[in-house]
Amino acid sequence: MSIQLQGWDDTIVALATPPGIGAIGVIRVSGKQAFAIVNALFPSKDLFQQPSHTLQVGYLQQNGVMLDEVVLSLFKSPRSYTGEDVIEISCHGSPFIQENIIQVITMKGARVAKPGEFTQRAFLNGKLDLAQAEAVADLIASNTEASRKTAIHSMRGGFSSDLHALREQLIRFSALIELELDFSQEDVAFADRAALNHLISQLNVSTHQLINSFQLGNVIRNGVQVAIIGKPNAGKSTLLNTLLNENRAIVSEIAGTTRDTVEEILNIKGVLFRLIDTAGIREHTQDLIESIGMERSFEKMRAANIVIYLFDVNEIDARTLQVVVNNFNQENIPYILVGNKAEANDPAVLKQFASFADCIFISARANHNIEQLKDVLFTKAISGNINSEATIVTNARHYEALQKLSHALADVQRGLDDEVPGDLLALDIRQCLHYLGTITGQITNEDQLDFIFSKFCIGK
């Protein structure tokens, strides 16, 4: 697939590595004039005579002045990332040298690339579909093994192949129904309605699997917000420090020491957990600052994906804990009950909490059962196998399109059940094809593309 838009036949240049001082920097040039522009600056060899996918070492010069000693990576159309002629210039990592080279290249006729323009050209030239192109940005932004693996799966076409399979089957039935319309006077049926019914049922299952995967995908992409709440001196700050294995929060025996929320990030099995140590919650306080901190604690609790309710096993009884659990259940807040300071407790003290089957007993200070708590956090957040090769939807745009597809499939199903005429059925199927096409970019517009690729980094 190749999409032609106006204004996309010029040559672009940009720094492909992060700005700043380093050992080397890579400048990418793409377009019809890429070889002509760089060749004019590279007297060592005639680049037009060199094979694609080779490295060339030499000096870049402008008007007899040496710019830098460089390594050129040559990629001739269509065997390149963008599908165009591409040259990547590996120069020394001085920002002055990099800017000087880019300036000279623009003087020769190139222009500075917009954010994401190289990947956008790869999409326009049929090297990637839109879902794969967006996965490139996800891969660049990945900061855990889980997010890397999910992005790689999509970038290699895993998600796209699932969608293409759905779309091809729908197109086949749509064509048969459209054919029936051409022979409406003869009252013939080319499309097997029973087979279409079976297909729509299968597509519904596949679509809902993808939609349901978004909850996991959102966790992989954005992390899990975990609020640690409880009464003052329950050990919340000590637990945060133990989980992080560093003294991040101030620990004191004085109740109300934590006045504001403290946030840190913990990586558990490739998933980021944003841990929030909140101010202790107690019924009455005359301290205005502490009151503000408590209100922020409630805000964080309501916004969190998971709440760890930490309690001192010596300071609470089962009846009080049950009230807390009832409140969580009433407000539909996902929670984990964690009993702290349990390292040397009499079994009789812990026995009173036996009715709370999912309660974990730890000692934050002695690092007792902390790994078990991490396992429970991970299981609560993931609720599935993160190492699966199945497609996981991480993109909100894809999720929205899949939801619309689900509604359109329901319309097709109702049409089949009500035995509506073929022309109305064809309209509903076209709507399904439209929503599938918006994900992969088979149906798109220039404004949408500009918005999607504007979120990429310059040079990619």
Protein backbone atom coordinates (compact mmCIF):
# COMPACT_ATOMS: atom_id res chain seq x y z
CA MET A 1 0.00 0.00 0.00
CA SER A 2 1.27 3.46 -0.91
CA ILE A 3 -0.55 6.73 -0.20
CA GLN A 4 0.27 9.85 -2.19
CA LEU A 5 -0.08 13.26 -0.52
CA GLN A 6 0.95 16.62 -1.85
CA GLY A 7 4.23 18.12 -0.62
CA TRP A 8 5.91 14.80 0.21
CA ASP A 9 8.43 14.59 -2.64
CA ASP A 10 11.13 16.85 -1.19
CA THR A 11 14.25 15.87 0.78
CA ILE A 12 14.38 16.11 4.58
CA VAL A 13 17.17 16.06 7.15
CA ALA A 14 17.26 15.79 10.95
CA LEU A 15 19.39 14.61 13.83
CA ALA A 16 18.31 11.02 14.59
CA THR A 17 20.18 10.72 17.90
CA PRO A 18 19.37 12.67 21.08
CA PRO A 19 20.73 16.23 21.15
CA GLY A 20 23.77 16.91 23.32
CA ILE A 21 27.42 15.94 23.52
CA GLY A 22 28.28 12.29 22.84
CA ALA A 23 30.78 10.08 21.06
CA ILE A 24 28.84 10.19 17.79
CA GLY A 25 25.66 11.65 16.38
CA VAL A 26 23.60 10.33 13.49
CA ILE A 27 22.07 12.69 10.93
CA ARG A 28 19.41 11.18 8.67
CA VAL A 29 18.70 12.44 5.13
CA SER A 30 15.76 11.07 3.12
CA GLY A 31 14.29 11.93 -0.27
CA LYS A 32 14.94 12.07 -4.00
CA GLN A 33 17.91 14.44 -3.63
CA ALA A 34 19.53 12.70 -0.63
CA PHE A 35 22.37 11.15 -2.65
CA ALA A 36 22.93 14.24 -4.80
CA ILE A 37 23.15 16.57 -1.78
CA VAL A 38 25.49 14.40 0.30
CA ASN A 39 27.54 13.38 -2.74
CA ALA A 40 28.36 17.06 -3.39
CA LEU A 41 29.86 17.22 0.13
CA PHE A 42 31.74 13.90 -0.03
CA PRO A 43 34.70 14.07 -2.45
CA SER A 44 36.14 10.69 -1.44
CA LYS A 45 33.78 8.60 -3.61
CA ASP A 46 30.89 8.86 -6.00
CA LEU A 47 28.02 7.70 -3.83
CA PHE A 48 25.83 6.96 -6.84
CA GLN A 49 28.26 4.20 -7.80
CA GLN A 50 28.27 2.53 -4.37
CA PRO A 51 25.98 -0.39 -3.56
CA SER A 52 23.03 0.02 -1.22
CA HIS A 53 23.44 -1.07 2.41
CA THR A 54 27.14 -0.25 2.54
CA LEU A 55 29.25 1.98 4.79
CA GLN A 56 31.53 4.65 3.31
CA VAL A 57 34.25 6.41 5.33
CA GLY A 58 35.58 9.82 4.40
CA TYR A 59 35.43 13.58 4.93
CA LEU A 60 32.51 15.93 4.44
CA GLN A 61 33.69 19.20 2.85
CA GLN A 62 32.02 22.46 1.87
CA ASN A 63 33.90 24.92 -0.36
CA GLY A 64 37.18 23.21 0.48
CA VAL A 65 36.58 23.42 4.24
CA MET A 66 36.46 20.09 6.07
CA LEU A 67 33.29 19.71 8.17
CA ASP A 68 34.07 16.35 9.82
CA GLU A 69 35.31 12.81 9.24
CA VAL A 70 32.19 10.66 8.93
CA VAL A 71 30.77 7.22 8.18
CA LEU A 72 27.93 7.21 5.64
CA SER A 73 25.30 4.44 5.67
CA LEU A 74 23.69 4.15 2.24
CA PHE A 75 20.15 2.87 1.69
CA LYS A 76 18.78 3.09 -1.83
CA SER A 77 15.08 3.21 -2.61
CA PRO A 78 12.97 1.19 -1.98
CA ARG A 79 15.16 -0.81 0.43
CA SER A 80 15.18 1.74 3.23
CA TYR A 81 13.19 2.64 6.31
CA THR A 82 11.24 5.37 4.52
CA GLY A 83 11.12 3.63 1.13
CA GLU A 84 13.10 6.58 -0.31
CA ASP A 85 16.83 7.10 -0.84
CA VAL A 86 18.28 7.47 2.66
CA ILE A 87 21.76 8.36 3.88
CA GLU A 88 22.64 8.27 7.57
CA ILE A 89 25.68 10.35 8.48
CA SER A 90 27.55 9.18 11.59
CA CYS A 91 29.59 12.18 12.69
CA HIS A 92 31.32 13.21 15.89
CA GLY A 93 28.97 14.04 18.74
CA SER A 94 29.66 17.76 19.02
CA PRO A 95 26.39 19.73 18.80
CA PHE A 96 28.33 22.40 16.84
CA ILE A 97 29.48 19.86 14.23
CA GLN A 98 26.01 18.30 13.95
CA GLU A 99 24.29 21.66 13.51
CA ASN A 100 26.91 22.78 10.99
CA ILE A 101 26.38 19.66 8.83
CA ILE A 102 22.58 20.00 8.97
CA GLN A 103 22.84 23.68 8.02
CA VAL A 104 25.02 22.89 5.00
CA ILE A 105 22.64 20.13 3.87
CA THR A 106 19.68 22.50 4.07
CA MET A 107 21.64 25.07 2.04
CA LYS A 108 21.96 22.39 -0.65
CA GLY A 109 18.18 22.02 -0.93
CA ALA A 110 16.92 19.83 1.92
CA ARG A 111 14.61 21.02 4.69
CA VAL A 112 14.55 20.13 8.37
CA ALA A 113 12.15 17.25 9.03
CA LYS A 114 9.05 17.64 11.15
CA PRO A 115 8.52 15.35 14.19
CA GLY A 116 7.82 11.82 13.00
CA GLU A 117 8.24 12.69 9.33
CA PHE A 118 10.62 9.83 8.52
CA THR A 119 8.16 7.27 9.92
CA GLN A 120 5.27 9.10 8.27
CA ARG A 121 7.03 8.68 4.92
CA ALA A 122 7.56 4.99 5.71
CA PHE A 123 3.79 4.74 6.15
CA LEU A 124 2.98 6.75 3.03
CA ASN A 125 5.36 4.60 0.97
CA GLY A 126 3.82 1.35 2.21
CA LYS A 127 6.76 0.24 4.36
CA LEU A 128 4.59 0.21 7.51
CA ASP A 129 0.89 0.44 8.15
CA LEU A 130 -0.39 2.98 10.66
CA ALA A 131 -0.58 0.55 13.58
CA GLN A 132 3.02 -0.51 12.98
CA ALA A 133 4.13 3.11 12.67
CA GLU A 134 2.55 3.97 16.01
CA ALA A 135 4.30 0.95 17.51
CA VAL A 136 7.63 2.55 16.50
CA ALA A 137 6.85 5.48 18.81
CA ASP A 138 5.79 3.06 21.55
CA LEU A 139 9.07 1.16 21.19
CA ILE A 140 11.10 4.37 21.47
CA ALA A 141 9.14 5.32 24.60
CA SER A 142 9.25 1.83 26.16
CA ASN A 143 10.89 1.75 29.57
CA THR A 144 10.11 -1.81 30.70
CA GLU A 145 10.48 -5.29 29.23
CA ALA A 146 6.70 -5.62 28.99
CA SER A 147 6.25 -2.39 27.02
CA ARG A 148 9.20 -3.29 24.75
CA LYS A 149 7.80 -6.74 24.02
CA THR A 150 4.31 -5.42 23.27
CA ALA A 151 5.65 -2.70 20.94
CA ILE A 152 7.90 -5.17 19.10
CA HIS A 153 4.94 -7.51 18.55
CA SER A 154 2.88 -4.70 17.01
CA MET A 155 5.78 -3.24 15.01
CA ARG A 156 6.47 -6.64 13.44
CA GLY A 157 2.86 -6.73 12.28
CA GLY A 158 1.26 -8.98 14.92
CA PHE A 159 -1.62 -6.62 15.62
CA SER A 160 -1.97 -5.65 11.96
CA SER A 161 -2.13 -9.27 10.80
CA ASP A 162 -5.01 -9.89 13.23
CA LEU A 163 -6.88 -6.91 11.80
CA HIS A 164 -6.11 -7.79 8.18
CA ALA A 165 -7.53 -11.29 8.71
CA LEU A 166 -10.76 -9.80 10.06
CA ARG A 167 -10.95 -7.27 7.24
CA GLU A 168 -10.32 -9.75 4.43
CA GLN A 169 -13.16 -11.98 5.55
CA LEU A 170 -15.55 -9.04 5.76
CA ILE A 171 -14.50 -7.74 2.35
CA ARG A 172 -15.26 -11.12 0.77
CA PHE A 173 -18.81 -11.15 2.12
CA SER A 174 -19.30 -7.49 1.33
CA ALA A 175 -18.35 -8.15 -2.30
CA LEU A 176 -20.85 -11.01 -2.56
CA ILE A 177 -23.66 -8.88 -1.10
CA GLU A 178 -22.78 -6.01 -3.46
CA LEU A 179 -22.95 -8.54 -6.31
CA GLU A 180 -26.44 -9.52 -5.23
CA LEU A 181 -27.50 -5.87 -5.56
CA ASP A 182 -26.34 -5.89 -9.19
CA PHE A 183 -28.66 -8.85 -9.85
CA SER A 184 -31.54 -7.70 -7.66
CA GLN A 185 -34.08 -8.26 -10.45
CA GLU A 186 -33.14 -11.95 -10.69
CA ASP A 187 -33.59 -12.51 -6.91
CA VAL A 188 -30.37 -14.52 -6.54
CA ALA A 189 -28.26 -14.93 -3.40
CA PHE A 190 -24.48 -15.14 -3.70
CA ALA A 191 -23.67 -14.61 0.00
CA ASP A 192 -24.42 -17.45 2.40
CA ARG A 193 -26.27 -15.74 5.28
CA ALA A 194 -25.55 -18.63 7.65
CA ALA A 195 -21.83 -18.38 6.94
CA LEU A 196 -21.97 -14.61 7.43
CA ASN A 197 -23.74 -15.15 10.75
CA HIS A 198 -20.93 -17.48 11.83
CA LEU A 199 -18.30 -14.98 10.68
CA ILE A 200 -19.88 -12.07 12.56
CA SER A 201 -19.98 -14.24 15.68
CA GLN A 202 -16.26 -15.02 15.29
CA LEU A 203 -15.41 -11.37 14.63
CA ASN A 204 -17.31 -10.34 17.73
CA VAL A 205 -15.25 -12.73 19.84
CA SER A 206 -11.96 -11.53 18.33
CA THR A 207 -12.94 -7.86 18.67
CA HIS A 208 -13.95 -8.22 22.30
CA GLN A 209 -10.70 -10.04 23.09
CA LEU A 210 -8.78 -7.08 21.68
CA ILE A 211 -10.99 -4.58 23.53
CA ASN A 212 -10.57 -6.46 26.81
CA SER A 213 -6.79 -6.55 26.35
CA PHE A 214 -6.68 -2.74 26.57
CA GLN A 215 -6.88 -2.81 30.37
CA LEU A 216 -3.67 -4.85 30.42
CA GLY A 217 -2.22 -2.73 27.61
CA ASN A 218 -2.87 0.44 29.55
CA VAL A 219 -1.03 -1.04 32.52
CA ILE A 220 1.93 -1.97 30.31
CA ARG A 221 2.09 1.43 28.65
CA ASN A 222 1.31 3.81 31.53
CA GLY A 223 2.06 1.80 34.67
CA VAL A 224 -0.09 1.14 37.72
CA GLN A 225 -0.89 3.84 40.27
CA VAL A 226 -0.77 2.39 43.79
CA ALA A 227 -1.82 4.46 46.80
CA ILE A 228 -0.50 3.31 50.19
CA ILE A 229 -3.03 4.48 52.78
CA GLY A 230 -3.69 3.83 56.44
CA LYS A 231 -3.68 5.45 59.86
CA PRO A 232 -0.68 7.47 61.07
CA ASN A 233 2.27 5.36 62.18
CA ALA A 234 0.99 2.24 60.41
CA GLY A 235 4.36 2.10 58.63
CA LYS A 236 3.47 3.50 55.21
CA SER A 237 6.71 5.42 54.73
CA THR A 238 8.75 2.47 56.00
CA LEU A 239 6.97 0.20 53.51
CA LEU A 240 7.69 2.62 50.65
CA ASN A 241 11.38 2.75 51.61
CA THR A 242 11.54 -1.06 51.86
CA LEU A 243 9.87 -1.60 48.50
CA LEU A 244 12.27 0.88 46.87
CA ASN A 245 15.25 -0.38 48.89
CA GLU A 246 16.20 3.21 49.71
CA ASN A 247 15.31 5.90 52.24
CA ARG A 248 12.96 7.93 50.09
CA ALA A 249 10.34 8.91 52.68
CA ILE A 250 10.99 10.36 56.15
CA VAL A 251 10.30 7.79 58.87
CA SER A 252 9.44 8.91 62.41
CA GLU A 253 7.57 7.61 65.42
CA ILE A 254 5.69 10.92 65.51
CA ALA A 255 2.22 10.52 64.05
CA GLY A 256 1.48 12.79 61.10
CA THR A 257 5.10 13.11 59.91
CA THR A 258 4.08 12.63 56.26
CA ARG A 259 2.16 15.81 55.42
CA ASP A 260 1.98 15.42 51.64
CA THR A 261 2.04 12.58 49.15
CA VAL A 262 5.40 11.11 48.13
CA GLU A 263 5.54 9.35 44.75
CA GLU A 264 8.15 6.92 43.43
CA ILE A 265 8.33 4.28 40.68
CA LEU A 266 8.99 0.56 41.22
CA ASN A 267 9.55 -1.96 38.42
CA ILE A 268 8.04 -5.36 39.20
CA LYS A 269 8.56 -8.05 36.52
CA GLY A 270 8.63 -5.49 33.73
CA VAL A 271 5.63 -3.42 34.87
CA LEU A 272 5.97 0.06 36.38
CA PHE A 273 4.15 0.70 39.65
CA ARG A 274 3.79 4.32 40.73
CA LEU A 275 3.84 4.06 44.52
CA ILE A 276 2.23 6.92 46.44
CA ASP A 277 2.94 7.25 50.15
CA THR A 278 0.03 9.27 51.53
CA ALA A 279 -0.46 11.24 54.70
CA GLY A 280 -1.93 9.17 57.52
CA ILE A 281 -5.70 9.24 57.82
CA ARG A 282 -7.21 9.81 61.24
CA GLU A 283 -10.62 11.02 62.32
CA HIS A 284 -9.74 14.27 64.09
CA THR A 285 -6.82 16.65 63.75
CA GLN A 286 -6.42 20.34 64.58
CA ASP A 287 -3.40 20.68 62.27
CA LEU A 288 -4.38 22.55 59.09
CA ILE A 289 -1.38 21.27 57.10
CA GLU A 290 -2.08 17.69 58.16
CA SER A 291 -5.74 18.12 57.17
CA ILE A 292 -4.71 19.24 53.66
CA GLY A 293 -2.39 16.22 53.42
CA MET A 294 -5.22 13.89 54.43
CA GLU A 295 -7.52 15.35 51.78
CA ARG A 296 -4.83 14.74 49.17
CA SER A 297 -4.59 11.17 50.45
CA PHE A 298 -8.30 10.66 49.74
CA GLU A 299 -7.84 12.15 46.24
CA LYS A 300 -4.96 9.79 45.48
CA MET A 301 -6.95 6.85 46.82
CA ARG A 302 -9.88 7.56 44.50
CA ALA A 303 -7.58 8.01 41.49
CA ALA A 304 -5.42 4.93 42.15
CA ASN A 305 -5.63 1.68 40.21
CA ILE A 306 -4.88 -0.26 43.40
CA VAL A 307 -4.99 0.76 47.06
CA ILE A 308 -2.75 -0.86 49.64
CA TYR A 309 -4.49 -0.49 52.99
CA LEU A 310 -1.70 -0.83 55.55
CA PHE A 311 -2.66 -1.40 59.17
CA ASP A 312 -0.75 -2.09 62.36
CA VAL A 313 -1.88 -5.54 63.54
CA ASN A 314 -1.50 -4.33 67.14
CA GLU A 315 -3.69 -1.25 66.69
CA ILE A 316 -6.80 -2.52 64.86
CA ASP A 317 -9.36 -5.27 65.36
CA ALA A 318 -11.25 -7.39 62.82
CA ARG A 319 -14.50 -5.43 63.23
CA THR A 320 -12.82 -2.12 62.36
CA LEU A 321 -10.99 -3.71 59.43
CA GLN A 322 -14.30 -5.07 58.12
CA VAL A 323 -15.71 -1.54 58.07
CA VAL A 324 -12.75 -0.45 55.94
CA VAL A 325 -13.28 -3.37 53.54
CA ASN A 326 -16.99 -2.58 53.26
CA ASN A 327 -16.18 1.01 52.32
CA PHE A 328 -13.75 -0.15 49.63
CA ASN A 329 -16.32 -2.56 48.22
CA GLN A 330 -19.05 0.07 48.31
CA GLU A 331 -16.91 2.52 46.30
CA ASN A 332 -15.63 -0.27 44.03
CA ILE A 333 -11.97 0.44 44.90
CA PRO A 334 -9.48 -2.39 44.13
CA TYR A 335 -7.54 -2.98 47.34
CA ILE A 336 -4.95 -5.16 49.05
CA LEU A 337 -5.05 -5.58 52.84
CA VAL A 338 -1.57 -5.57 54.39
CA GLY A 339 -1.02 -6.15 58.10
CA ASN A 340 2.24 -4.58 59.24
CA LYS A 341 4.50 -5.18 62.27
CA ALA A 342 3.68 -8.89 62.24
CA GLU A 343 7.24 -10.23 62.58
CA ALA A 344 7.07 -11.12 66.28
CA ASN A 345 3.36 -11.25 66.87
CA ASP A 346 1.58 -13.85 68.91
CA PRO A 347 -0.36 -16.15 66.53
CA ALA A 348 -3.44 -15.41 68.61
CA VAL A 349 -3.22 -11.74 67.58
CA LEU A 350 -3.12 -12.65 63.89
CA LYS A 351 -5.85 -15.26 64.27
CA GLN A 352 -8.51 -12.57 64.57
CA PHE A 353 -7.85 -11.61 60.94
CA ALA A 354 -8.29 -15.19 59.65
CA SER A 355 -11.60 -14.30 57.96
CA PHE A 356 -9.75 -11.93 55.61
CA ALA A 357 -8.49 -14.60 53.22
CA ASP A 358 -6.49 -12.25 51.00
CA CYS A 359 -4.75 -10.37 53.80
CA ILE A 360 -0.93 -10.32 53.69
CA PHE A 361 1.11 -10.01 56.88
CA ILE A 362 4.46 -8.28 56.63
CA SER A 363 7.12 -6.47 58.58
CA ALA A 364 8.14 -3.41 56.57
CA ARG A 365 11.02 -2.72 58.94
CA ALA A 366 12.38 -6.30 58.88
CA ASN A 367 11.69 -6.80 55.15
CA HIS A 368 9.49 -9.79 55.94
CA ASN A 369 7.09 -11.02 53.19
CA ILE A 370 7.84 -7.99 50.97
CA GLU A 371 8.46 -10.19 47.92
CA GLN A 372 5.08 -11.84 48.47
CA LEU A 373 3.49 -8.39 48.50
CA LYS A 374 5.18 -7.56 45.18
CA ASP A 375 3.83 -10.79 43.67
CA VAL A 376 0.31 -9.94 44.82
CA LEU A 377 0.62 -6.41 43.41
CA PHE A 378 1.73 -7.78 40.05
CA THR A 379 -1.05 -10.38 39.91
CA LYS A 380 -3.68 -7.82 40.92
CA ALA A 381 -2.54 -5.42 38.19
CA ILE A 382 -2.04 -7.88 35.35
CA SER A 383 -4.80 -10.47 35.81
CA GLY A 384 -3.36 -12.48 32.93
CA ASN A 385 -0.21 -13.73 31.23
CA ILE A 386 1.92 -10.78 30.21
CA ASN A 387 4.37 -13.04 28.40
CA SER A 388 1.73 -14.26 25.98
CA GLU A 389 2.30 -13.77 22.25
CA ALA A 390 -1.32 -12.66 21.88
CA THR A 391 -1.94 -9.12 20.68
CA ILE A 392 -2.37 -6.55 23.45
CA VAL A 393 -3.97 -3.22 22.59
CA THR A 394 -2.06 -0.31 24.18
CA ASN A 395 -3.19 2.59 21.99
CA ALA A 396 -6.28 4.58 23.00
CA ARG A 397 -7.04 5.40 19.35
CA HIS A 398 -7.11 1.70 18.47
CA TYR A 399 -9.29 0.98 21.50
CA GLU A 400 -11.83 3.61 20.46
CA ALA A 401 -11.94 2.27 16.88
CA LEU A 402 -12.42 -1.30 18.15
CA GLN A 403 -15.33 -0.19 20.32
CA LYS A 404 -16.96 1.43 17.28
CA LEU A 405 -16.28 -1.75 15.31
CA SER A 406 -18.04 -3.75 18.02
CA HIS A 407 -21.15 -1.55 17.70
CA ALA A 408 -21.05 -1.85 13.90
CA LEU A 409 -20.79 -5.65 14.12
CA ALA A 410 -23.83 -5.61 16.41
CA ASP A 411 -25.70 -3.68 13.70
CA VAL A 412 -24.76 -6.32 11.13
CA GLN A 413 -25.93 -9.06 13.49
CA ARG A 414 -29.26 -7.32 14.04
CA GLY A 415 -29.64 -6.92 10.29
CA LEU A 416 -29.09 -10.63 9.78
CA ASP A 417 -31.52 -11.52 12.55
CA ASP A 418 -34.18 -9.18 11.11
CA GLU A 419 -33.47 -10.33 7.52
CA VAL A 420 -32.98 -6.77 6.28
CA PRO A 421 -32.39 -6.17 2.55
CA GLY A 422 -28.90 -6.64 1.14
CA ASP A 423 -28.32 -2.91 0.52
CA LEU A 424 -28.81 -2.09 4.22
CA LEU A 425 -26.65 -5.03 5.26
CA ALA A 426 -23.92 -3.84 2.88
CA LEU A 427 -23.95 -0.39 4.51
CA ASP A 428 -23.40 -1.92 7.97
CA ILE A 429 -20.55 -4.10 6.69
CA ARG A 430 -18.93 -1.06 5.05
CA GLN A 431 -19.05 0.66 8.43
CA CYS A 432 -17.18 -2.28 10.00
CA LEU A 433 -14.56 -2.10 7.25
CA HIS A 434 -14.21 1.63 7.84
CA TYR A 435 -13.36 1.23 11.53
CA LEU A 436 -10.87 -1.56 10.81
CA GLY A 437 -9.28 0.60 8.13
CA THR A 438 -8.83 3.58 10.46
CA ILE A 439 -6.57 1.51 12.72
CA THR A 440 -4.17 0.33 10.02
CA GLY A 441 -4.39 3.53 7.97
CA GLN A 442 -6.19 2.05 4.97
CA ILE A 443 -8.77 4.76 5.66
CA THR A 444 -7.29 8.02 6.89
CA ASN A 445 -6.79 11.70 6.09
CA GLU A 446 -3.88 14.11 6.12
CA ASP A 447 -5.01 15.95 9.27
CA GLN A 448 -5.22 12.69 11.19
CA LEU A 449 -1.76 11.66 10.02
CA ASP A 450 -0.27 15.00 10.99
CA PHE A 451 -1.76 14.68 14.47
CA ILE A 452 -0.53 11.11 14.99
CA PHE A 453 3.03 11.71 13.76
CA SER A 454 3.39 15.08 15.49
CA LYS A 455 3.74 13.13 18.76
CA PHE A 456 6.92 11.41 17.49
CA CYS A 457 10.39 12.74 18.21
CA ILE A 458 12.26 14.69 15.54
CA GLY A 459 14.56 12.42 13.53
CA LYS A 460 12.20 9.46 13.65
